[in-house]
PDB file of N, CA and C in Angstrom:
ATOM      1  N   MET A   1      -7.356  -3.094  12.390  1.00  0.00           N
ATOM      2  CA  MET A   1      -7.147  -4.433  11.860  1.00  0.00           C
ATOM      3  C   MET A   1      -6.619  -4.318  10.435  1.00  0.00           C
ATOM      4  N   ALA A   2      -5.442  -4.832  10.223  1.00  0.00           N
ATOM      5  CA  ALA A   2      -4.847  -4.805   8.889  1.00  0.00           C
ATOM      6  C   ALA A   2      -5.405  -5.956   8.059  1.00  0.00           C
ATOM      7  N   MET A   3      -5.827  -5.645   6.852  1.00  0.00           N
ATOM      8  CA  MET A   3      -6.372  -6.663   5.973  1.00  0.00           C
ATOM      9  C   MET A   3      -5.321  -7.227   5.031  1.00  0.00           C
ATOM     10  N   LEU A   4      -4.136  -6.654   5.043  1.00  0.00           N
ATOM     11  CA  LEU A   4      -3.082  -7.112   4.148  1.00  0.00           C
ATOM     12  C   LEU A   4      -2.286  -8.232   4.801  1.00  0.00           C
ATOM     13  N   LYS A   5      -1.867  -9.175   3.975  1.00  0.00           N
ATOM     14  CA  LYS A   5      -1.029 -10.269   4.459  1.00  0.00           C
ATOM     15  C   LYS A   5       0.402  -9.756   4.627  1.00  0.00           C
ATOM     16  N   PRO A   6       1.207 -10.436   5.435  1.00  0.00           N
ATOM     17  CA  PRO A   6       2.597  -9.976   5.638  1.00  0.00           C
ATOM     18  C   PRO A   6       3.391  -9.851   4.336  1.00  0.00           C
ATOM     19  N   ASN A   7       3.186 -10.771   3.390  1.00  0.00           N
ATOM     20  CA  ASN A   7       3.892 -10.660   2.102  1.00  0.00           C
ATOM     21  C   ASN A   7       3.439  -9.433   1.323  1.00  0.00           C
ATOM     22  N   ASP A   8       2.146  -9.098   1.422  1.00  0.00           N
ATOM     23  CA  ASP A   8       1.637  -7.905   0.748  1.00  0.00           C
ATOM     24  C   ASP A   8       2.243  -6.645   1.359  1.00  0.00           C
ATOM     25  N   VAL A   9       2.344  -6.618   2.683  1.00  0.00           N
ATOM     26  CA  VAL A   9       2.924  -5.460   3.355  1.00  0.00           C
ATOM     27  C   VAL A   9       4.370  -5.271   2.908  1.00  0.00           C
ATOM     28  N   THR A  10       5.107  -6.374   2.797  1.00  0.00           N
ATOM     29  CA  THR A  10       6.495  -6.293   2.356  1.00  0.00           C
ATOM     30  C   THR A  10       6.586  -5.753   0.933  1.00  0.00           C
ATOM     31  N   TRP A  11       5.728  -6.252   0.042  1.00  0.00           N
ATOM     32  CA  TRP A  11       5.785  -5.826  -1.351  1.00  0.00           C
ATOM     33  C   TRP A  11       5.345  -4.377  -1.511  1.00  0.00           C
ATOM     34  N   PHE A  12       4.348  -3.952  -0.745  1.00  0.00           N
ATOM     35  CA  PHE A  12       3.838  -2.587  -0.846  1.00  0.00           C
ATOM     36  C   PHE A  12       4.558  -1.611   0.083  1.00  0.00           C
ATOM     37  N   ARG A  13       5.643  -2.001   0.723  1.00  0.00           N
ATOM     38  CA  ARG A  13       6.374  -1.100   1.621  1.00  0.00           C
ATOM     39  C   ARG A  13       6.839   0.169   0.912  1.00  0.00           C
ATOM     40  N   PRO A  14       7.406   0.101  -0.317  1.00  0.00           N
ATOM     41  CA  PRO A  14       7.788   1.349  -0.992  1.00  0.00           C
ATOM     42  C   PRO A  14       6.537   2.181  -1.321  1.00  0.00           C
ATOM     43  N   LEU A  15       6.585   3.446  -0.961  1.00  0.00           N
ATOM     44  CA  LEU A  15       5.429   4.327  -1.149  1.00  0.00           C
ATOM     45  C   LEU A  15       5.036   4.442  -2.614  1.00  0.00           C
ATOM     46  N   TRP A  16       6.000   4.421  -3.535  1.00  0.00           N
ATOM     47  CA  TRP A  16       5.678   4.602  -4.948  1.00  0.00           C
ATOM     48  C   TRP A  16       4.772   3.488  -5.470  1.00  0.00           C
ATOM     49  N   ARG A  17       4.902   2.267  -4.948  1.00  0.00           N
ATOM     50  CA  ARG A  17       4.041   1.174  -5.401  1.00  0.00           C
ATOM     51  C   ARG A  17       2.601   1.395  -4.956  1.00  0.00           C
ATOM     52  N   ARG A  18       2.428   1.850  -3.720  1.00  0.00           N
ATOM     53  CA  ARG A  18       1.074   2.120  -3.228  1.00  0.00           C
ATOM     54  C   ARG A  18       0.431   3.261  -3.994  1.00  0.00           C
ATOM     55  N   ILE A  19       1.213   4.291  -4.298  1.00  0.00           N
ATOM     56  CA  ILE A  19       0.690   5.419  -5.066  1.00  0.00           C
ATOM     57  C   ILE A  19       0.343   4.985  -6.486  1.00  0.00           C
ATOM     58  N   ALA A  20       1.203   4.177  -7.109  1.00  0.00           N
ATOM     59  CA  ALA A  20       0.965   3.738  -8.489  1.00  0.00           C
ATOM     60  C   ALA A  20      -0.325   2.927  -8.599  1.00  0.00           C
ATOM     61  N   VAL A  21      -0.544   2.011  -7.679  1.00  0.00           N
ATOM     62  CA  VAL A  21      -1.761   1.190  -7.714  1.00  0.00           C
ATOM     63  C   VAL A  21      -2.991   2.067  -7.489  1.00  0.00           C
ATOM     64  N   THR A  22      -2.901   2.999  -6.558  1.00  0.00           N
ATOM     65  CA  THR A  22      -4.039   3.862  -6.260  1.00  0.00           C
ATOM     66  C   THR A  22      -4.357   4.798  -7.419  1.00  0.00           C
ATOM     67  N   VAL A  23      -3.333   5.357  -8.052  1.00  0.00           N
ATOM     68  CA  VAL A  23      -3.560   6.236  -9.210  1.00  0.00           C
ATOM     69  C   VAL A  23      -4.164   5.441 -10.359  1.00  0.00           C
ATOM     70  N   PHE A  24      -3.668   4.231 -10.588  1.00  0.00           N
ATOM     71  CA  PHE A  24      -4.242   3.388 -11.639  1.00  0.00           C
ATOM     72  C   PHE A  24      -5.731   3.145 -11.385  1.00  0.00           C
ATOM     73  N   LEU A  25      -6.077   2.806 -10.144  1.00  0.00           N
ATOM     74  CA  LEU A  25      -7.483   2.560  -9.814  1.00  0.00           C
ATOM     75  C   LEU A  25      -8.320   3.830  -9.948  1.00  0.00           C
ATOM     76  N   ALA A  26      -7.758   4.977  -9.585  1.00  0.00           N
ATOM     77  CA  ALA A  26      -8.501   6.233  -9.705  1.00  0.00           C
ATOM     78  C   ALA A  26      -8.788   6.568 -11.170  1.00  0.00           C
ATOM     79  N   VAL A  27      -7.782   6.386 -12.028  1.00  0.00           N
ATOM     80  CA  VAL A  27      -7.988   6.654 -13.459  1.00  0.00           C
ATOM     81  C   VAL A  27      -9.003   5.684 -14.033  1.00  0.00           C
ATOM     82  N   TRP A  28      -8.910   4.412 -13.675  1.00  0.00           N
ATOM     83  CA  TRP A  28      -9.867   3.412 -14.147  1.00  0.00           C
ATOM     84  C   TRP A  28     -11.273   3.733 -13.653  1.00  0.00           C
ATOM     85  N   CYS A  29     -11.380   4.162 -12.415  1.00  0.00           N
ATOM     86  CA  CYS A  29     -12.673   4.518 -11.834  1.00  0.00           C
ATOM     87  C   CYS A  29     -13.318   5.674 -12.609  1.00  0.00           C
ATOM     88  N   ILE A  30     -12.531   6.715 -12.872  1.00  0.00           N
ATOM     89  CA  ILE A  30     -13.047   7.859 -13.634  1.00  0.00           C
ATOM     90  C   ILE A  30     -13.480   7.415 -15.021  1.00  0.00           C
ATOM     91  N   TRP A  31     -12.680   6.572 -15.660  1.00  0.00           N
ATOM     92  CA  TRP A  31     -13.013   6.067 -16.994  1.00  0.00           C
ATOM     93  C   TRP A  31     -14.361   5.341 -16.996  1.00  0.00           C
ATOM     94  N   GLU A  32     -14.566   4.477 -16.023  1.00  0.00           N
ATOM     95  CA  GLU A  32     -15.816   3.710 -15.975  1.00  0.00           C
ATOM     96  C   GLU A  32     -17.013   4.612 -15.675  1.00  0.00           C
ATOM     97  N   TRP A  33     -16.851   5.605 -14.796  1.00  0.00           N
ATOM     98  CA  TRP A  33     -17.966   6.511 -14.502  1.00  0.00           C
ATOM     99  C   TRP A  33     -18.304   7.355 -15.729  1.00  0.00           C
ATOM    100  N   LEU A  34     -17.296   7.789 -16.472  1.00  0.00           N
ATOM    101  CA  LEU A  34     -17.559   8.594 -17.668  1.00  0.00           C
ATOM    102  C   LEU A  34     -18.224   7.771 -18.769  1.00  0.00           C
ATOM    103  N   ASN A  35     -17.922   6.480 -18.830  1.00  0.00           N
ATOM    104  CA  ASN A  35     -18.535   5.624 -19.844  1.00  0.00           C
ATOM    105  C   ASN A  35     -19.906   5.114 -19.425  1.00  0.00           C
ATOM    106  N   GLY A  36     -20.280   5.314 -18.177  1.00  0.00           N
ATOM    107  CA  GLY A  36     -21.618   4.961 -17.726  1.00  0.00           C
ATOM    108  C   GLY A  36     -21.831   3.495 -17.421  1.00  0.00           C
ATOM    109  N   ASP A  37     -20.775   2.736 -17.252  1.00  0.00           N
ATOM    110  CA  ASP A  37     -20.919   1.320 -16.911  1.00  0.00           C
ATOM    111  C   ASP A  37     -21.016   1.198 -15.392  1.00  0.00           C
ATOM    112  N   MET A  38     -22.230   1.053 -14.895  1.00  0.00           N
ATOM    113  CA  MET A  38     -22.481   1.125 -13.462  1.00  0.00           C
ATOM    114  C   MET A  38     -21.831  -0.024 -12.685  1.00  0.00           C
ATOM    115  N   PHE A  39     -21.866  -1.236 -13.225  1.00  0.00           N
ATOM    116  CA  PHE A  39     -21.293  -2.373 -12.515  1.00  0.00           C
ATOM    117  C   PHE A  39     -19.806  -2.173 -12.263  1.00  0.00           C
ATOM    118  N   TRP A  40     -19.037  -1.890 -13.346  1.00  0.00           N
ATOM    119  CA  TRP A  40     -17.598  -1.710 -13.198  1.00  0.00           C
ATOM    120  C   TRP A  40     -17.271  -0.442 -12.422  1.00  0.00           C
ATOM    121  N   SER A  41     -18.098   0.579 -12.561  1.00  0.00           N
ATOM    122  CA  SER A  41     -17.878   1.810 -11.803  1.00  0.00           C
ATOM    123  C   SER A  41     -17.919   1.540 -10.309  1.00  0.00           C
ATOM    124  N   LEU A  42     -18.920   0.819  -9.862  1.00  0.00           N
ATOM    125  CA  LEU A  42     -19.050   0.512  -8.437  1.00  0.00           C
ATOM    126  C   LEU A  42     -17.958  -0.445  -7.968  1.00  0.00           C
ATOM    127  N   LEU A  43     -17.630  -1.416  -8.805  1.00  0.00           N
ATOM    128  CA  LEU A  43     -16.595  -2.377  -8.435  1.00  0.00           C
ATOM    129  C   LEU A  43     -15.232  -1.702  -8.275  1.00  0.00           C
ATOM    130  N   VAL A  44     -14.873  -0.854  -9.216  1.00  0.00           N
ATOM    131  CA  VAL A  44     -13.574  -0.185  -9.154  1.00  0.00           C
ATOM    132  C   VAL A  44     -13.578   0.886  -8.060  1.00  0.00           C
ATOM    133  N   THR A  45     -14.708   1.516  -7.808  1.00  0.00           N
ATOM    134  CA  THR A  45     -14.796   2.472  -6.703  1.00  0.00           C
ATOM    135  C   THR A  45     -14.557   1.772  -5.373  1.00  0.00           C
ATOM    136  N   ALA A  46     -15.106   0.567  -5.222  1.00  0.00           N
ATOM    137  CA  ALA A  46     -14.867  -0.210  -4.000  1.00  0.00           C
ATOM    138  C   ALA A  46     -13.394  -0.591  -3.873  1.00  0.00           C
ATOM    139  N   ALA A  47     -12.763  -0.990  -4.976  1.00  0.00           N
ATOM    140  CA  ALA A  47     -11.340  -1.327  -4.952  1.00  0.00           C
ATOM    141  C   ALA A  47     -10.498  -0.096  -4.624  1.00  0.00           C
ATOM    142  N   LEU A  48     -10.887   1.050  -5.136  1.00  0.00           N
ATOM    143  CA  LEU A  48     -10.175   2.294  -4.840  1.00  0.00           C
ATOM    144  C   LEU A  48     -10.305   2.647  -3.362  1.00  0.00           C
ATOM    145  N   ALA A  49     -11.500   2.517  -2.818  1.00  0.00           N
ATOM    146  CA  ALA A  49     -11.703   2.795  -1.392  1.00  0.00           C
ATOM    147  C   ALA A  49     -10.887   1.836  -0.532  1.00  0.00           C
ATOM    148  N   TYR A  50     -10.862   0.565  -0.915  1.00  0.00           N
ATOM    149  CA  TYR A  50     -10.074  -0.445  -0.201  1.00  0.00           C
ATOM    150  C   TYR A  50      -8.590  -0.090  -0.223  1.00  0.00           C
ATOM    151  N   SER A  51      -8.080   0.300  -1.392  1.00  0.00           N
ATOM    152  CA  SER A  51      -6.659   0.631  -1.495  1.00  0.00           C
ATOM    153  C   SER A  51      -6.334   1.907  -0.719  1.00  0.00           C
ATOM    154  N   LEU A  52      -7.197   2.903  -0.773  1.00  0.00           N
ATOM    155  CA  LEU A  52      -6.944   4.125  -0.010  1.00  0.00           C
ATOM    156  C   LEU A  52      -6.881   3.831   1.487  1.00  0.00           C
ATOM    157  N   TYR A  53      -7.809   3.029   1.977  1.00  0.00           N
ATOM    158  CA  TYR A  53      -7.830   2.701   3.398  1.00  0.00           C
ATOM    159  C   TYR A  53      -6.600   1.888   3.796  1.00  0.00           C
ATOM    160  N   ASN A  54      -6.325   0.821   3.061  1.00  0.00           N
ATOM    161  CA  ASN A  54      -5.239  -0.086   3.444  1.00  0.00           C
ATOM    162  C   ASN A  54      -3.847   0.477   3.171  1.00  0.00           C
ATOM    163  N   PHE A  55      -3.688   1.231   2.102  1.00  0.00           N
ATOM    164  CA  PHE A  55      -2.361   1.703   1.740  1.00  0.00           C
ATOM    165  C   PHE A  55      -1.947   2.982   2.447  1.00  0.00           C
ATOM    166  N   PHE A  56      -2.919   3.790   2.877  1.00  0.00           N
ATOM    167  CA  PHE A  56      -2.550   5.086   3.435  1.00  0.00           C
ATOM    168  C   PHE A  56      -3.064   5.315   4.858  1.00  0.00           C
ATOM    169  N   TYR A  57      -4.139   4.694   5.246  1.00  0.00           N
ATOM    170  CA  TYR A  57      -4.666   4.889   6.596  1.00  0.00           C
ATOM    171  C   TYR A  57      -4.223   3.782   7.548  1.00  0.00           C
ATOM    172  N   ALA A  58      -4.399   2.541   7.139  1.00  0.00           N
ATOM    173  CA  ALA A  58      -4.137   1.414   8.039  1.00  0.00           C
ATOM    174  C   ALA A  58      -2.800   0.733   7.774  1.00  0.00           C
ATOM    175  N   PHE A  59      -2.019   1.237   6.843  1.00  0.00           N
ATOM    176  CA  PHE A  59      -0.755   0.577   6.517  1.00  0.00           C
ATOM    177  C   PHE A  59       0.190   0.681   7.704  1.00  0.00           C
ATOM    178  N   PRO A  60       0.833  -0.436   8.092  1.00  0.00           N
ATOM    179  CA  PRO A  60       1.728  -0.384   9.262  1.00  0.00           C
ATOM    180  C   PRO A  60       2.921   0.532   9.016  1.00  0.00           C
ATOM    181  N   LYS A  61       3.190   1.349  10.005  1.00  0.00           N
ATOM    182  CA  LYS A  61       4.331   2.262   9.922  1.00  0.00           C
ATOM    183  C   LYS A  61       5.623   1.474  10.088  1.00  0.00           C
ATOM    184  N   GLU A  62       6.680   1.995   9.496  1.00  0.00           N
ATOM    185  CA  GLU A  62       7.977   1.337   9.657  1.00  0.00           C
ATOM    186  C   GLU A  62       8.428   1.522  11.094  1.00  0.00           C
ATOM    187  N   GLU A  63       8.852   0.435  11.684  1.00  0.00           N
ATOM    188  CA  GLU A  63       9.300   0.492  13.065  1.00  0.00           C
ATOM    189  C   GLU A  63      10.717   1.040  13.109  1.00  0.00           C
ATOM    190  N   GLU A  64      10.903   2.035  13.947  1.00  0.00           N
ATOM    191  CA  GLU A  64      12.237   2.596  14.100  1.00  0.00           C
ATOM    192  C   GLU A  64      13.031   1.717  15.055  1.00  0.00           C
ATOM    193  N   ALA A  65      14.286   1.608  14.788  1.00  0.00           N
ATOM    194  CA  ALA A  65      15.136   0.808  15.667  1.00  0.00           C
ATOM    195  C   ALA A  65      15.235   1.511  17.013  1.00  0.00           C
ATOM    196  N   SER A  66      15.013   0.774  18.071  1.00  0.00           N
ATOM    197  CA  SER A  66      15.054   1.371  19.396  1.00  0.00           C
ATOM    198  C   SER A  66      16.488   1.667  19.819  1.00  0.00           C
ATOM    199  N   GLN A  67      17.446   0.914  19.303  1.00  0.00           N
ATOM    200  CA  GLN A  67      18.838   1.133  19.621  1.00  0.00           C
ATOM    201  C   GLN A  67      19.617   1.229  18.310  1.00  0.00           C
ATOM    202  N   PRO A  68      20.618   2.091  18.280  1.00  0.00           N
ATOM    203  CA  PRO A  68      21.421   2.157  17.053  1.00  0.00           C
ATOM    204  C   PRO A  68      22.213   0.873  16.896  1.00  0.00           C
ATOM    205  N   PRO A  69      22.508   0.484  15.661  1.00  0.00           N
ATOM    206  CA  PRO A  69      23.274  -0.751  15.465  1.00  0.00           C
ATOM    207  C   PRO A  69      24.663  -0.632  16.085  1.00  0.00           C
ATOM    208  N   LEU A  70      25.126  -1.722  16.600  1.00  0.00           N
ATOM    209  CA  LEU A  70      26.451  -1.753  17.208  1.00  0.00           C
ATOM    210  C   LEU A  70      27.503  -1.730  16.120  1.00  0.00           C
ATOM    211  N   PRO A  71      28.615  -1.016  16.375  1.00  0.00           N
ATOM    212  CA  PRO A  71      29.681  -1.022  15.369  1.00  0.00           C
ATOM    213  C   PRO A  71      30.288  -2.414  15.262  1.00  0.00           C
ATOM    214  N   ASN A  72      30.835  -2.700  14.104  1.00  0.00           N
ATOM    215  CA  ASN A  72      31.470  -4.009  13.908  1.00  0.00           C
ATOM    216  C   ASN A  72      32.671  -4.142  14.817  1.00  0.00           C
ATOM    217  N   GLU A  73      32.660  -5.173  15.572  1.00  0.00           N
ATOM    218  CA  GLU A  73      33.778  -5.415  16.472  1.00  0.00           C
ATOM    219  C   GLU A  73      34.752  -6.376  15.784  1.00  0.00           C
ATOM    220  N   PRO A  74      36.044  -6.165  16.008  1.00  0.00           N
ATOM    221  CA  PRO A  74      36.999  -7.094  15.397  1.00  0.00           C
ATOM    222  C   PRO A  74      36.845  -8.483  16.014  1.00  0.00           C
ATOM    223  N   PRO A  75      37.053  -9.513  15.226  1.00  0.00           N
ATOM    224  CA  PRO A  75      36.896 -10.870  15.772  1.00  0.00           C
ATOM    225  C   PRO A  75      37.937 -11.147  16.848  1.00  0.00           C
ATOM    226  N   GLU A  76      37.494 -11.854  17.859  1.00  0.00           N
ATOM    227  CA  GLU A  76      38.406 -12.194  18.939  1.00  0.00           C
ATOM    228  C   GLU A  76      39.260 -13.380  18.515  1.00  0.00           C
ATOM    229  N   GLU A  77      40.539 -13.328  18.882  1.00  0.00           N
ATOM    230  CA  GLU A  77      41.446 -14.429  18.516  1.00  0.00           C
ATOM    231  C   GLU A  77      41.724 -15.305  19.689  1.00  0.00           C
TER     232      GLU A  77
END
């Protein structure tokens, strides 16, 4: 079951965006754990787990075209 909306899937289709968000959350998570703030540590850890699951495990694969595109045909007169 995908938890992302269709617009989210479209926006996160490029792999670099999913990696950037996940790396940001990982760095933030480490920062909060090192500072000892338990509330934010747990909250950001949950967000990191959510992003890892949705962006890399459950993210819909790009559908390959079943047929190659037809060549452009000249217009009929």
